[in-house]
């Protein structure tokens, strides 16, 4: 006996699996600023050397390189 193939429309709908939310850390303000500068460069042809300092001032982001590993 041969089985007939079902057409794709005759299949019962698949149950929808709930998406599990991943726990994410809050974004670092400096990383968010860098992302926003890259987006401004892409979308509005902004100059990054002008956009980044202005954005850092606006968001009151300060800091040096003390958290970076030594060379």
PDB file of N, CA and C in Angstrom:
ATOM      1  N   UNK A   1       0.839  -1.166   0.000  1.00  0.00           N
ATOM      2  CA  UNK A   1       0.000   0.000   0.000  1.00  0.00           C
ATOM      3  C   UNK A   1       0.893   1.241   0.000  1.00  0.00           C
ATOM      4  N   UNK A   2       0.635   2.150  -0.861  1.00  0.00           N
ATOM      5  CA  UNK A   2       1.433   3.372  -0.913  1.00  0.00           C
ATOM      6  C   UNK A   2       0.712   4.484  -0.174  1.00  0.00           C
ATOM      7  N   UNK A   3       1.525   5.307   0.449  1.00  0.00           N
ATOM      8  CA  UNK A   3       0.949   6.443   1.183  1.00  0.00           C
ATOM      9  C   UNK A   3       0.900   7.660   0.281  1.00  0.00           C
ATOM     10  N   UNK A   4      -0.142   8.371   0.397  1.00  0.00           N
ATOM     11  CA  UNK A   4      -0.251   9.617  -0.359  1.00  0.00           C
ATOM     12  C   UNK A   4       0.394  10.726   0.447  1.00  0.00           C
ATOM     13  N   UNK A   5       1.110  11.567  -0.236  1.00  0.00           N
ATOM     14  CA  UNK A   5       1.714  12.725   0.427  1.00  0.00           C
ATOM     15  C   UNK A   5       0.634  13.750   0.722  1.00  0.00           C
ATOM     16  N   UNK A   6       0.759  14.331   1.873  1.00  0.00           N
ATOM     17  CA  UNK A   6      -0.173  15.404   2.221  1.00  0.00           C
ATOM     18  C   UNK A   6       0.273  16.701   1.575  1.00  0.00           C
ATOM     19  N   UNK A   7      -0.660  17.469   1.201  1.00  0.00           N
ATOM     20  CA  UNK A   7      -0.291  18.791   0.701  1.00  0.00           C
ATOM     21  C   UNK A   7       0.065  19.661   1.901  1.00  0.00           C
ATOM     22  N   UNK A   8       0.914  20.665   1.730  1.00  0.00           N
ATOM     23  CA  UNK A   8       1.312  21.513   2.857  1.00  0.00           C
ATOM     24  C   UNK A   8       0.131  22.181   3.546  1.00  0.00           C
ATOM     25  N   UNK A   9      -0.949  22.397   2.810  1.00  0.00           N
ATOM     26  CA  UNK A   9      -2.107  23.067   3.399  1.00  0.00           C
ATOM     27  C   UNK A   9      -2.926  22.152   4.301  1.00  0.00           C
ATOM     28  N   UNK A  10      -2.758  20.846   4.165  1.00  0.00           N
ATOM     29  CA  UNK A  10      -3.576  19.931   4.953  1.00  0.00           C
ATOM     30  C   UNK A  10      -2.942  19.578   6.298  1.00  0.00           C
ATOM     31  N   UNK A  11      -1.767  20.110   6.567  1.00  0.00           N
ATOM     32  CA  UNK A  11      -1.113  19.830   7.847  1.00  0.00           C
ATOM     33  C   UNK A  11      -1.798  20.599   8.971  1.00  0.00           C
ATOM     34  N   UNK A  12      -1.852  19.981  10.138  1.00  0.00           N
ATOM     35  CA  UNK A  12      -2.379  20.752  11.270  1.00  0.00           C
ATOM     36  C   UNK A  12      -1.383  21.841  11.656  1.00  0.00           C
ATOM     37  N   UNK A  13      -1.853  22.957  12.153  1.00  0.00           N
ATOM     38  CA  UNK A  13      -0.923  24.041  12.507  1.00  0.00           C
ATOM     39  C   UNK A  13      -0.012  23.624  13.655  1.00  0.00           C
ATOM     40  N   UNK A  14       1.216  24.067  13.579  1.00  0.00           N
ATOM     41  CA  UNK A  14       2.179  23.773  14.642  1.00  0.00           C
ATOM     42  C   UNK A  14       1.887  24.644  15.851  1.00  0.00           C
ATOM     43  N   UNK A  15       2.067  24.074  17.025  1.00  0.00           N
ATOM     44  CA  UNK A  15       1.892  24.920  18.209  1.00  0.00           C
ATOM     45  C   UNK A  15       3.011  25.958  18.280  1.00  0.00           C
ATOM     46  N   UNK A  16       2.658  27.128  18.719  1.00  0.00           N
ATOM     47  CA  UNK A  16       3.637  28.209  18.819  1.00  0.00           C
ATOM     48  C   UNK A  16       4.401  28.048  20.123  1.00  0.00           C
ATOM     49  N   UNK A  17       5.728  28.010  20.009  1.00  0.00           N
ATOM     50  CA  UNK A  17       6.556  27.890  21.206  1.00  0.00           C
ATOM     51  C   UNK A  17       6.739  29.269  21.821  1.00  0.00           C
ATOM     52  N   UNK A  18       6.566  29.370  23.120  1.00  0.00           N
ATOM     53  CA  UNK A  18       6.793  30.684  23.743  1.00  0.00           C
ATOM     54  C   UNK A  18       8.270  31.040  23.697  1.00  0.00           C
ATOM     55  N   UNK A  19       8.538  32.279  23.421  1.00  0.00           N
ATOM     56  CA  UNK A  19       9.930  32.736  23.397  1.00  0.00           C
ATOM     57  C   UNK A  19      10.367  33.043  24.814  1.00  0.00           C
ATOM     58  N   UNK A  20      11.521  32.532  25.137  1.00  0.00           N
ATOM     59  CA  UNK A  20      12.064  32.802  26.462  1.00  0.00           C
ATOM     60  C   UNK A  20      12.865  34.086  26.401  1.00  0.00           C
ATOM     61  N   UNK A  21      12.605  34.952  27.333  1.00  0.00           N
ATOM     62  CA  UNK A  21      13.358  36.206  27.383  1.00  0.00           C
ATOM     63  C   UNK A  21      14.711  35.946  28.007  1.00  0.00           C
ATOM     64  N   UNK A  22      15.703  36.441  27.344  1.00  0.00           N
ATOM     65  CA  UNK A  22      17.043  36.315  27.900  1.00  0.00           C
ATOM     66  C   UNK A  22      17.283  37.474  28.842  1.00  0.00           C
ATOM     67  N   UNK A  23      17.935  37.167  29.917  1.00  0.00           N
ATOM     68  CA  UNK A  23      18.272  38.220  30.861  1.00  0.00           C
ATOM     69  C   UNK A  23      19.509  38.930  30.340  1.00  0.00           C
ATOM     70  N   UNK A  24      19.345  40.176  30.017  1.00  0.00           N
ATOM     71  CA  UNK A  24      20.465  40.957  29.496  1.00  0.00           C
ATOM     72  C   UNK A  24      20.883  41.984  30.518  1.00  0.00           C
ATOM     73  N   UNK A  25      22.176  42.232  30.507  1.00  0.00           N
ATOM     74  CA  UNK A  25      22.679  43.298  31.366  1.00  0.00           C
ATOM     75  C   UNK A  25      22.288  44.628  30.751  1.00  0.00           C
ATOM     76  N   UNK A  26      22.107  45.653  31.568  1.00  0.00           N
ATOM     77  CA  UNK A  26      21.824  46.972  30.995  1.00  0.00           C
ATOM     78  C   UNK A  26      23.012  47.431  30.150  1.00  0.00           C
ATOM     79  N   UNK A  27      22.712  48.152  29.093  1.00  0.00           N
ATOM     80  CA  UNK A  27      23.772  48.623  28.210  1.00  0.00           C
ATOM     81  C   UNK A  27      24.657  49.642  28.910  1.00  0.00           C
ATOM     82  N   UNK A  28      25.933  49.521  28.672  1.00  0.00           N
ATOM     83  CA  UNK A  28      26.900  50.478  29.176  1.00  0.00           C
ATOM     84  C   UNK A  28      26.644  51.808  28.463  1.00  0.00           C
ATOM     85  N   UNK A  29      26.557  52.923  29.188  1.00  0.00           N
ATOM     86  CA  UNK A  29      26.261  54.211  28.540  1.00  0.00           C
ATOM     87  C   UNK A  29      27.278  54.584  27.457  1.00  0.00           C
ATOM     88  N   UNK A  30      28.537  54.271  27.668  1.00  0.00           N
ATOM     89  CA  UNK A  30      29.549  54.604  26.660  1.00  0.00           C
ATOM     90  C   UNK A  30      29.368  53.769  25.401  1.00  0.00           C
ATOM     91  N   UNK A  31      29.045  52.505  25.567  1.00  0.00           N
ATOM     92  CA  UNK A  31      28.808  51.650  24.392  1.00  0.00           C
ATOM     93  C   UNK A  31      27.557  52.109  23.638  1.00  0.00           C
ATOM     94  N   UNK A  32      26.551  52.493  24.374  1.00  0.00           N
ATOM     95  CA  UNK A  32      25.329  52.987  23.739  1.00  0.00           C
ATOM     96  C   UNK A  32      25.618  54.262  22.951  1.00  0.00           C
ATOM     97  N   UNK A  33      26.442  55.136  23.529  1.00  0.00           N
ATOM     98  CA  UNK A  33      26.810  56.373  22.835  1.00  0.00           C
ATOM     99  C   UNK A  33      27.584  56.057  21.557  1.00  0.00           C
ATOM    100  N   UNK A  34      28.504  55.102  21.635  1.00  0.00           N
ATOM    101  CA  UNK A  34      29.279  54.724  20.447  1.00  0.00           C
ATOM    102  C   UNK A  34      28.358  54.176  19.361  1.00  0.00           C
ATOM    103  N   UNK A  35      27.404  53.362  19.757  1.00  0.00           N
ATOM    104  CA  UNK A  35      26.447  52.824  18.790  1.00  0.00           C
ATOM    105  C   UNK A  35      25.629  53.943  18.157  1.00  0.00           C
ATOM    106  N   UNK A  36      25.189  54.885  18.973  1.00  0.00           N
ATOM    107  CA  UNK A  36      24.394  55.997  18.453  1.00  0.00           C
ATOM    108  C   UNK A  36      25.198  56.866  17.492  1.00  0.00           C
ATOM    109  N   UNK A  37      26.492  57.024  17.762  1.00  0.00           N
ATOM    110  CA  UNK A  37      27.351  57.785  16.842  1.00  0.00           C
ATOM    111  C   UNK A  37      27.473  57.043  15.516  1.00  0.00           C
ATOM    112  N   UNK A  38      27.696  55.734  15.570  1.00  0.00           N
ATOM    113  CA  UNK A  38      27.796  54.959  14.327  1.00  0.00           C
ATOM    114  C   UNK A  38      26.497  55.034  13.526  1.00  0.00           C
ATOM    115  N   UNK A  39      25.389  55.006  14.222  1.00  0.00           N
ATOM    116  CA  UNK A  39      24.101  55.121  13.534  1.00  0.00           C
ATOM    117  C   UNK A  39      23.943  56.498  12.901  1.00  0.00           C
ATOM    118  N   UNK A  40      24.382  57.548  13.604  1.00  0.00           N
ATOM    119  CA  UNK A  40      24.300  58.905  13.050  1.00  0.00           C
ATOM    120  C   UNK A  40      25.184  59.039  11.815  1.00  0.00           C
ATOM    121  N   UNK A  41      26.344  58.409  11.848  1.00  0.00           N
ATOM    122  CA  UNK A  41      27.247  58.449  10.688  1.00  0.00           C
ATOM    123  C   UNK A  41      26.584  57.761   9.498  1.00  0.00           C
ATOM    124  N   UNK A  42      25.960  56.621   9.753  1.00  0.00           N
ATOM    125  CA  UNK A  42      25.327  55.856   8.677  1.00  0.00           C
ATOM    126  C   UNK A  42      24.074  56.536   8.138  1.00  0.00           C
ATOM    127  N   UNK A  43      23.225  56.998   9.039  1.00  0.00           N
ATOM    128  CA  UNK A  43      21.927  57.521   8.612  1.00  0.00           C
ATOM    129  C   UNK A  43      21.952  58.979   8.186  1.00  0.00           C
ATOM    130  N   UNK A  44      22.791  59.786   8.841  1.00  0.00           N
ATOM    131  CA  UNK A  44      22.751  61.230   8.572  1.00  0.00           C
ATOM    132  C   UNK A  44      24.070  61.784   8.046  1.00  0.00           C
ATOM    133  N   UNK A  45      25.006  60.902   7.703  1.00  0.00           N
ATOM    134  CA  UNK A  45      26.323  61.323   7.211  1.00  0.00           C
ATOM    135  C   UNK A  45      27.027  62.253   8.194  1.00  0.00           C
ATOM    136  N   UNK A  46      26.854  61.992   9.490  1.00  0.00           N
ATOM    137  CA  UNK A  46      27.505  62.809  10.519  1.00  0.00           C
ATOM    138  C   UNK A  46      29.003  62.506  10.538  1.00  0.00           C
ATOM    139  N   UNK A  47      29.774  63.460  10.989  1.00  0.00           N
ATOM    140  CA  UNK A  47      31.207  63.268  11.163  1.00  0.00           C
ATOM    141  C   UNK A  47      31.440  62.696  12.561  1.00  0.00           C
ATOM    142  N   UNK A  48      32.037  61.500  12.661  1.00  0.00           N
ATOM    143  CA  UNK A  48      32.184  60.884  13.984  1.00  0.00           C
ATOM    144  C   UNK A  48      33.072  61.680  14.932  1.00  0.00           C
ATOM    145  N   UNK A  49      34.086  62.368  14.394  1.00  0.00           N
ATOM    146  CA  UNK A  49      34.980  63.144  15.257  1.00  0.00           C
ATOM    147  C   UNK A  49      34.274  64.350  15.870  1.00  0.00           C
ATOM    148  N   UNK A  50      33.159  64.764  15.297  1.00  0.00           N
ATOM    149  CA  UNK A  50      32.370  65.855  15.869  1.00  0.00           C
ATOM    150  C   UNK A  50      31.185  65.323  16.677  1.00  0.00           C
ATOM    151  N   UNK A  51      30.603  64.234  16.211  1.00  0.00           N
ATOM    152  CA  UNK A  51      29.409  63.700  16.866  1.00  0.00           C
ATOM    153  C   UNK A  51      29.723  63.069  18.216  1.00  0.00           C
ATOM    154  N   UNK A  52      30.823  62.336  18.310  1.00  0.00           N
ATOM    155  CA  UNK A  52      31.124  61.633  19.558  1.00  0.00           C
ATOM    156  C   UNK A  52      31.372  62.575  20.726  1.00  0.00           C
ATOM    157  N   UNK A  53      32.261  63.575  20.607  1.00  0.00           N
ATOM    158  CA  UNK A  53      32.457  64.464  21.759  1.00  0.00           C
ATOM    159  C   UNK A  53      31.174  65.191  22.175  1.00  0.00           C
ATOM    160  N   UNK A  54      30.379  65.593  21.210  1.00  0.00           N
ATOM    161  CA  UNK A  54      29.127  66.281  21.536  1.00  0.00           C
ATOM    162  C   UNK A  54      28.175  65.350  22.288  1.00  0.00           C
ATOM    163  N   UNK A  55      28.095  64.112  21.843  1.00  0.00           N
ATOM    164  CA  UNK A  55      27.211  63.152  22.496  1.00  0.00           C
ATOM    165  C   UNK A  55      27.701  62.808  23.904  1.00  0.00           C
ATOM    166  N   UNK A  56      29.003  62.668  24.068  1.00  0.00           N
ATOM    167  CA  UNK A  56      29.552  62.383  25.399  1.00  0.00           C
ATOM    168  C   UNK A  56      29.266  63.534  26.360  1.00  0.00           C
ATOM    169  N   UNK A  57      29.408  64.761  25.867  1.00  0.00           N
ATOM    170  CA  UNK A  57      29.087  65.926  26.708  1.00  0.00           C
ATOM    171  C   UNK A  57      27.609  65.951  27.062  1.00  0.00           C
ATOM    172  N   UNK A  58      26.776  65.733  26.059  1.00  0.00           N
ATOM    173  CA  UNK A  58      25.329  65.772  26.251  1.00  0.00           C
ATOM    174  C   UNK A  58      24.869  64.733  27.277  1.00  0.00           C
ATOM    175  N   UNK A  59      25.469  63.556  27.228  1.00  0.00           N
ATOM    176  CA  UNK A  59      25.073  62.475  28.142  1.00  0.00           C
ATOM    177  C   UNK A  59      25.913  62.431  29.418  1.00  0.00           C
ATOM    178  N   UNK A  60      26.798  63.400  29.540  1.00  0.00           N
ATOM    179  CA  UNK A  60      27.665  63.516  30.726  1.00  0.00           C
ATOM    180  C   UNK A  60      28.447  62.238  30.998  1.00  0.00           C
ATOM    181  N   UNK A  61      29.025  61.715  29.932  1.00  0.00           N
ATOM    182  CA  UNK A  61      29.848  60.514  30.051  1.00  0.00           C
ATOM    183  C   UNK A  61      31.291  60.958  30.151  1.00  0.00           C
ATOM    184  N   UNK A  62      31.929  60.557  31.215  1.00  0.00           N
ATOM    185  CA  UNK A  62      33.334  60.890  31.427  1.00  0.00           C
ATOM    186  C   UNK A  62      34.089  59.616  31.720  1.00  0.00           C
ATOM    187  N   UNK A  63      35.375  59.694  31.589  1.00  0.00           N
ATOM    188  CA  UNK A  63      36.187  58.537  31.932  1.00  0.00           C
ATOM    189  C   UNK A  63      37.452  58.531  31.116  1.00  0.00           C
ATOM    190  N   UNK A  64      38.364  57.774  31.605  1.00  0.00           N
ATOM    191  CA  UNK A  64      39.635  57.651  30.917  1.00  0.00           C
ATOM    192  C   UNK A  64      39.848  56.220  30.480  1.00  0.00           C
ATOM    193  N   UNK A  65      41.085  55.857  30.429  1.00  0.00           N
ATOM    194  CA  UNK A  65      41.439  54.512  29.988  1.00  0.00           C
ATOM    195  C   UNK A  65      41.859  53.640  31.159  1.00  0.00           C
ATOM    196  N   UNK A  66      41.551  54.043  32.367  1.00  0.00           N
ATOM    197  CA  UNK A  66      42.015  53.280  33.532  1.00  0.00           C
ATOM    198  C   UNK A  66      41.409  51.886  33.598  1.00  0.00           C
ATOM    199  N   UNK A  67      40.258  51.676  32.996  1.00  0.00           N
ATOM    200  CA  UNK A  67      39.639  50.356  33.034  1.00  0.00           C
ATOM    201  C   UNK A  67      40.136  49.436  31.925  1.00  0.00           C
ATOM    202  N   UNK A  68      40.940  49.962  31.008  1.00  0.00           N
ATOM    203  CA  UNK A  68      41.460  49.153  29.912  1.00  0.00           C
ATOM    204  C   UNK A  68      42.710  48.408  30.359  1.00  0.00           C
ATOM    205  N   UNK A  69      42.957  47.233  29.794  1.00  0.00           N
ATOM    206  CA  UNK A  69      44.169  46.499  30.158  1.00  0.00           C
ATOM    207  C   UNK A  69      45.408  47.226  29.639  1.00  0.00           C
ATOM    208  N   UNK A  70      46.535  47.105  30.340  1.00  0.00           N
ATOM    209  CA  UNK A  70      47.756  47.779  29.870  1.00  0.00           C
ATOM    210  C   UNK A  70      48.260  47.146  28.580  1.00  0.00           C
ATOM    211  N   UNK A  71      48.957  47.943  27.792  1.00  0.00           N
ATOM    212  CA  UNK A  71      49.505  47.434  26.514  1.00  0.00           C
ATOM    213  C   UNK A  71      50.703  46.576  26.753  1.00  0.00           C
TER     214      UNK A  71
END
